[in-house]
């Protein structure tokens, strides 16, 4: 089974984000819900190049029940993990993400999975 490699799931609320995402750091996240058996169902994947806490709070209007997150060592690592998660969990066919993750402006980074420029 494919793994996100993230902490959680946690309730997707501002107070819970503040409780568990305590470092100002680039990172990755997944939004979704849990089934009755506890399985986390991924519906959206994303990243922050600077502060995953702030990015998660910006997504609160998406109305998901749960989130997972992880810190990244660099914006490039966050971009590559977002790409990997996007492909692992079905891309635009299965996720609410309608577009492939975009690379940060000013970089020439390519997706490690499909080798396209994000």
N, C-alpha and C. Protein backbone atom coordinates (compact mmCIF):
# COMPACT_ATOMS: atom_id res chain seq x y z
N UNK A 1 0.85 -1.19 0.00
CA UNK A 1 0.00 0.00 0.00
C UNK A 1 0.89 1.24 0.00
N UNK A 2 0.51 2.23 -0.74
CA UNK A 2 1.27 3.47 -0.86
C UNK A 2 1.14 4.28 0.42
N UNK A 3 2.25 4.87 0.86
CA UNK A 3 2.27 5.65 2.08
C UNK A 3 2.59 7.11 1.78
N UNK A 4 1.95 7.99 2.51
CA UNK A 4 2.25 9.42 2.40
C UNK A 4 3.55 9.78 3.12
N UNK A 5 3.91 9.00 4.13
CA UNK A 5 5.07 9.33 4.94
C UNK A 5 4.84 10.61 5.73
N UNK A 6 3.67 10.71 6.36
CA UNK A 6 3.28 11.93 7.09
C UNK A 6 2.72 11.57 8.45
N UNK A 7 2.69 12.55 9.34
CA UNK A 7 2.08 12.42 10.66
C UNK A 7 0.58 12.63 10.53
N UNK A 8 -0.18 11.93 11.37
CA UNK A 8 -1.62 12.12 11.40
C UNK A 8 -2.34 10.82 11.13
N UNK A 9 -3.62 10.87 10.92
CA UNK A 9 -4.44 12.04 10.63
C UNK A 9 -4.88 12.79 11.90
N UNK A 10 -5.13 14.07 11.69
CA UNK A 10 -5.61 14.98 12.72
C UNK A 10 -6.87 15.66 12.21
N UNK A 11 -7.68 16.15 13.14
CA UNK A 11 -8.86 16.93 12.75
C UNK A 11 -8.40 18.20 12.04
N UNK A 12 -9.07 18.51 10.94
CA UNK A 12 -8.68 19.65 10.11
C UNK A 12 -9.34 20.92 10.63
N UNK A 13 -8.76 21.45 11.72
CA UNK A 13 -9.22 22.70 12.32
C UNK A 13 -8.01 23.58 12.58
N UNK A 14 -8.24 24.85 12.69
CA UNK A 14 -7.15 25.80 12.94
C UNK A 14 -6.45 25.49 14.27
N UNK A 15 -7.22 25.18 15.30
CA UNK A 15 -6.61 24.90 16.60
C UNK A 15 -5.78 23.62 16.57
N UNK A 16 -6.22 22.62 15.85
CA UNK A 16 -5.46 21.37 15.76
C UNK A 16 -4.19 21.57 14.92
N UNK A 17 -4.29 22.35 13.87
CA UNK A 17 -3.09 22.67 13.08
C UNK A 17 -2.06 23.34 13.98
N UNK A 18 -2.48 24.33 14.76
CA UNK A 18 -1.56 25.02 15.66
C UNK A 18 -0.99 24.08 16.72
N UNK A 19 -1.77 23.13 17.17
CA UNK A 19 -1.33 22.21 18.21
C UNK A 19 -0.22 21.27 17.73
N UNK A 20 -0.35 20.78 16.48
CA UNK A 20 0.59 19.75 16.01
C UNK A 20 1.65 20.26 15.04
N UNK A 21 1.36 21.29 14.27
CA UNK A 21 2.33 21.81 13.29
C UNK A 21 2.99 23.02 13.94
N UNK A 22 4.04 22.77 14.70
CA UNK A 22 4.60 23.79 15.58
C UNK A 22 5.84 24.48 15.04
N UNK A 23 6.49 23.90 14.04
CA UNK A 23 7.69 24.52 13.47
C UNK A 23 7.33 25.33 12.23
N UNK A 24 7.99 26.47 12.07
CA UNK A 24 7.87 27.21 10.81
C UNK A 24 8.84 26.55 9.85
N UNK A 25 8.29 25.82 8.88
CA UNK A 25 9.12 25.02 7.98
C UNK A 25 8.36 24.73 6.70
N UNK A 26 9.12 24.54 5.63
CA UNK A 26 8.50 24.03 4.42
C UNK A 26 8.02 22.62 4.72
N UNK A 27 7.06 22.15 3.94
CA UNK A 27 6.55 20.81 4.20
C UNK A 27 5.43 20.43 3.26
N UNK A 28 4.86 19.29 3.57
CA UNK A 28 3.81 18.70 2.73
C UNK A 28 2.59 18.39 3.57
N UNK A 29 1.45 18.26 2.90
CA UNK A 29 0.23 17.90 3.60
C UNK A 29 -0.70 17.15 2.66
N UNK A 30 -1.62 16.45 3.28
CA UNK A 30 -2.70 15.76 2.57
C UNK A 30 -3.99 16.03 3.31
N UNK A 31 -5.06 16.25 2.57
CA UNK A 31 -6.38 16.48 3.14
C UNK A 31 -7.29 15.34 2.72
N UNK A 32 -8.22 15.00 3.60
CA UNK A 32 -9.15 13.92 3.26
C UNK A 32 -10.05 13.59 4.44
N UNK A 33 -10.30 12.29 4.60
CA UNK A 33 -11.17 11.82 5.68
C UNK A 33 -10.74 10.41 6.06
N UNK A 34 -11.26 9.92 7.17
CA UNK A 34 -10.96 8.55 7.57
C UNK A 34 -12.22 7.70 7.45
N UNK A 35 -12.02 6.50 6.98
CA UNK A 35 -13.11 5.53 6.92
C UNK A 35 -13.34 4.98 8.32
N UNK A 36 -14.41 4.23 8.50
CA UNK A 36 -14.75 3.66 9.80
C UNK A 36 -13.64 2.79 10.36
N UNK A 37 -12.86 2.16 9.47
CA UNK A 37 -11.77 1.30 9.94
C UNK A 37 -10.48 2.07 10.23
N UNK A 38 -10.54 3.42 10.10
CA UNK A 38 -9.38 4.26 10.40
C UNK A 38 -8.50 4.56 9.20
N UNK A 39 -8.79 3.99 8.05
CA UNK A 39 -8.01 4.24 6.84
C UNK A 39 -8.18 5.69 6.40
N UNK A 40 -7.06 6.37 6.16
CA UNK A 40 -7.09 7.75 5.70
C UNK A 40 -7.26 7.76 4.18
N UNK A 41 -8.27 8.46 3.71
CA UNK A 41 -8.54 8.58 2.28
C UNK A 41 -8.06 9.95 1.83
N UNK A 42 -7.09 9.95 0.93
CA UNK A 42 -6.47 11.17 0.44
C UNK A 42 -7.35 11.77 -0.67
N UNK A 43 -7.68 13.05 -0.50
CA UNK A 43 -8.46 13.75 -1.52
C UNK A 43 -7.72 14.94 -2.13
N UNK A 44 -6.68 15.43 -1.43
CA UNK A 44 -5.94 16.60 -1.91
C UNK A 44 -4.54 16.53 -1.32
N UNK A 45 -3.52 16.82 -2.15
CA UNK A 45 -2.15 16.90 -1.65
C UNK A 45 -1.58 18.28 -1.98
N UNK A 46 -0.70 18.74 -1.11
CA UNK A 46 -0.11 20.06 -1.33
C UNK A 46 1.20 20.22 -0.58
N UNK A 47 1.74 21.43 -0.68
CA UNK A 47 3.01 21.72 -0.02
C UNK A 47 3.08 23.20 0.32
N UNK A 48 4.03 23.51 1.16
CA UNK A 48 4.41 24.89 1.42
C UNK A 48 5.91 24.99 1.26
N UNK A 49 6.36 26.03 0.60
CA UNK A 49 7.80 26.24 0.44
C UNK A 49 8.39 27.02 1.61
N UNK A 50 7.53 27.44 2.57
CA UNK A 50 8.06 28.23 3.69
C UNK A 50 7.42 27.92 5.05
N UNK A 51 6.10 27.69 5.11
CA UNK A 51 5.43 27.48 6.40
C UNK A 51 4.18 26.62 6.19
N UNK A 52 4.31 25.34 6.48
CA UNK A 52 3.21 24.40 6.23
C UNK A 52 2.00 24.70 7.12
N UNK A 53 2.20 25.26 8.31
CA UNK A 53 1.09 25.64 9.19
C UNK A 53 0.21 26.67 8.50
N UNK A 54 0.82 27.73 7.99
CA UNK A 54 0.05 28.79 7.31
C UNK A 54 -0.65 28.25 6.07
N UNK A 55 0.03 27.41 5.31
CA UNK A 55 -0.56 26.86 4.09
C UNK A 55 -1.77 25.98 4.42
N UNK A 56 -1.67 25.17 5.47
CA UNK A 56 -2.81 24.34 5.88
C UNK A 56 -4.01 25.22 6.25
N UNK A 57 -3.78 26.26 7.01
CA UNK A 57 -4.89 27.14 7.41
C UNK A 57 -5.52 27.82 6.20
N UNK A 58 -4.73 28.11 5.19
CA UNK A 58 -5.28 28.71 3.97
C UNK A 58 -6.22 27.75 3.25
N UNK A 59 -6.09 26.46 3.52
CA UNK A 59 -6.92 25.43 2.87
C UNK A 59 -8.17 25.09 3.65
N UNK A 60 -8.37 25.67 4.83
CA UNK A 60 -9.54 25.35 5.66
C UNK A 60 -10.87 25.51 4.91
N UNK A 61 -11.03 26.48 4.03
CA UNK A 61 -12.30 26.57 3.30
C UNK A 61 -12.61 25.35 2.42
N UNK A 62 -11.63 24.47 2.18
CA UNK A 62 -11.90 23.29 1.35
C UNK A 62 -12.81 22.29 2.05
N UNK A 63 -13.00 22.44 3.35
CA UNK A 63 -14.00 21.66 4.08
C UNK A 63 -13.69 20.17 4.20
N UNK A 64 -12.45 19.80 4.39
CA UNK A 64 -12.10 18.41 4.64
C UNK A 64 -12.17 18.12 6.13
N UNK A 65 -12.24 16.85 6.50
CA UNK A 65 -12.37 16.46 7.90
C UNK A 65 -11.02 16.24 8.57
N UNK A 66 -10.03 15.72 7.83
CA UNK A 66 -8.75 15.32 8.42
C UNK A 66 -7.59 15.82 7.57
N UNK A 67 -6.41 15.90 8.22
CA UNK A 67 -5.19 16.21 7.49
C UNK A 67 -4.03 15.42 8.04
N UNK A 68 -3.02 15.27 7.20
CA UNK A 68 -1.73 14.73 7.58
C UNK A 68 -0.69 15.74 7.12
N UNK A 69 0.50 15.69 7.73
CA UNK A 69 1.54 16.63 7.31
C UNK A 69 2.91 16.04 7.59
N UNK A 70 3.91 16.64 6.97
CA UNK A 70 5.31 16.34 7.27
C UNK A 70 6.13 17.59 6.97
N UNK A 71 7.22 17.73 7.69
CA UNK A 71 8.16 18.81 7.41
C UNK A 71 9.09 18.34 6.31
N UNK A 72 9.65 19.28 5.57
CA UNK A 72 10.61 18.96 4.51
C UNK A 72 11.93 19.67 4.81
N UNK A 73 13.00 19.12 4.30
CA UNK A 73 14.32 19.70 4.53
C UNK A 73 14.60 20.90 3.64
N UNK A 74 13.83 21.04 2.56
CA UNK A 74 14.04 22.15 1.62
C UNK A 74 12.80 22.30 0.74
N UNK A 75 12.64 23.45 0.10
CA UNK A 75 11.54 23.59 -0.86
C UNK A 75 11.61 22.55 -1.98
N UNK A 76 12.81 22.20 -2.42
CA UNK A 76 12.93 21.18 -3.48
C UNK A 76 12.43 19.83 -2.98
N UNK A 77 12.79 19.46 -1.76
CA UNK A 77 12.31 18.19 -1.19
C UNK A 77 10.79 18.21 -1.07
N UNK A 78 10.21 19.36 -0.68
CA UNK A 78 8.75 19.47 -0.57
C UNK A 78 8.10 19.33 -1.94
N UNK A 79 8.66 19.97 -2.95
CA UNK A 79 8.13 19.86 -4.31
C UNK A 79 8.17 18.41 -4.79
N UNK A 80 9.29 17.75 -4.60
CA UNK A 80 9.43 16.37 -5.06
C UNK A 80 8.47 15.43 -4.34
N UNK A 81 8.28 15.63 -3.04
CA UNK A 81 7.34 14.79 -2.30
C UNK A 81 5.90 15.07 -2.74
N UNK A 82 5.57 16.32 -2.99
CA UNK A 82 4.23 16.64 -3.47
C UNK A 82 3.98 15.95 -4.81
N UNK A 83 4.94 15.98 -5.70
CA UNK A 83 4.80 15.29 -6.98
C UNK A 83 4.60 13.80 -6.77
N UNK A 84 5.43 13.20 -5.92
CA UNK A 84 5.32 11.76 -5.66
C UNK A 84 3.94 11.42 -5.11
N UNK A 85 3.47 12.19 -4.12
CA UNK A 85 2.15 11.94 -3.55
C UNK A 85 1.05 12.14 -4.59
N UNK A 86 1.18 13.15 -5.41
CA UNK A 86 0.19 13.42 -6.46
C UNK A 86 0.05 12.20 -7.37
N UNK A 87 1.16 11.65 -7.81
CA UNK A 87 1.10 10.48 -8.70
C UNK A 87 0.67 9.22 -7.95
N UNK A 88 1.18 9.02 -6.74
CA UNK A 88 0.85 7.82 -5.97
C UNK A 88 -0.64 7.72 -5.66
N UNK A 89 -1.29 8.85 -5.48
CA UNK A 89 -2.69 8.83 -5.07
C UNK A 89 -3.65 9.22 -6.19
N UNK A 90 -3.24 9.05 -7.44
CA UNK A 90 -4.15 9.10 -8.56
C UNK A 90 -4.20 10.37 -9.37
N UNK A 91 -3.40 11.38 -9.03
CA UNK A 91 -3.40 12.60 -9.83
C UNK A 91 -4.78 13.21 -9.95
N UNK A 92 -5.01 13.90 -11.04
CA UNK A 92 -6.28 14.62 -11.21
C UNK A 92 -7.47 13.69 -11.41
N UNK A 93 -7.24 12.40 -11.65
CA UNK A 93 -8.36 11.45 -11.80
C UNK A 93 -8.97 11.07 -10.46
N UNK A 94 -8.14 11.01 -9.41
CA UNK A 94 -8.62 10.59 -8.09
C UNK A 94 -8.64 11.72 -7.07
N UNK A 95 -7.78 12.69 -7.23
CA UNK A 95 -7.65 13.78 -6.27
C UNK A 95 -8.44 15.01 -6.70
N UNK A 96 -8.67 15.90 -5.76
CA UNK A 96 -9.30 17.17 -6.09
C UNK A 96 -8.31 18.12 -6.77
N UNK A 97 -7.02 17.81 -6.70
CA UNK A 97 -6.01 18.59 -7.42
C UNK A 97 -6.30 18.46 -8.91
N UNK A 98 -6.58 19.54 -9.56
CA UNK A 98 -6.90 19.48 -10.99
C UNK A 98 -5.66 19.60 -11.86
N UNK A 99 -4.57 20.08 -11.29
CA UNK A 99 -3.34 20.26 -12.05
C UNK A 99 -2.16 19.60 -11.35
N UNK A 100 -1.19 19.23 -12.14
CA UNK A 100 0.06 18.70 -11.62
C UNK A 100 0.70 19.76 -10.71
N UNK A 101 1.37 19.36 -9.63
CA UNK A 101 2.04 20.37 -8.79
C UNK A 101 2.97 21.27 -9.60
N UNK A 102 2.95 22.55 -9.28
CA UNK A 102 3.81 23.49 -9.99
C UNK A 102 5.10 23.68 -9.20
N UNK A 103 6.17 23.88 -9.93
CA UNK A 103 7.47 24.11 -9.28
C UNK A 103 7.53 25.56 -8.83
N UNK A 104 8.36 25.85 -7.84
CA UNK A 104 8.52 27.25 -7.43
C UNK A 104 9.08 28.09 -8.57
N UNK A 105 8.64 29.33 -8.64
CA UNK A 105 9.12 30.25 -9.67
C UNK A 105 10.64 30.38 -9.60
N UNK A 106 11.24 30.44 -10.77
CA UNK A 106 12.68 30.64 -10.85
C UNK A 106 13.50 29.37 -10.73
N UNK A 107 12.83 28.22 -10.65
CA UNK A 107 13.57 26.95 -10.59
C UNK A 107 13.36 26.18 -11.88
N UNK A 108 14.25 25.29 -12.16
CA UNK A 108 14.11 24.41 -13.32
C UNK A 108 13.81 22.98 -12.91
N UNK A 109 13.24 22.82 -11.72
CA UNK A 109 12.99 21.49 -11.19
C UNK A 109 11.94 20.75 -12.01
N UNK A 110 12.18 19.46 -12.18
CA UNK A 110 11.25 18.59 -12.88
C UNK A 110 10.63 17.60 -11.90
N UNK A 111 9.46 17.13 -12.24
CA UNK A 111 8.80 16.11 -11.44
C UNK A 111 9.67 14.85 -11.46
N UNK A 112 9.95 14.26 -10.30
CA UNK A 112 10.76 13.05 -10.25
C UNK A 112 10.03 11.82 -10.77
N UNK A 113 8.73 11.91 -10.97
CA UNK A 113 7.95 10.76 -11.43
C UNK A 113 7.76 10.78 -12.95
N UNK A 114 7.27 11.90 -13.47
CA UNK A 114 6.95 11.96 -14.90
C UNK A 114 7.91 12.84 -15.69
N UNK A 115 8.84 13.48 -15.00
CA UNK A 115 9.91 14.26 -15.62
C UNK A 115 9.42 15.50 -16.36
N UNK A 116 8.21 15.98 -16.03
CA UNK A 116 7.76 17.23 -16.64
C UNK A 116 8.09 18.39 -15.73
N UNK A 117 8.13 19.56 -16.29
CA UNK A 117 8.27 20.76 -15.47
C UNK A 117 6.91 21.00 -14.83
N UNK A 118 6.89 21.15 -13.53
CA UNK A 118 5.63 21.35 -12.83
C UNK A 118 5.01 22.69 -13.15
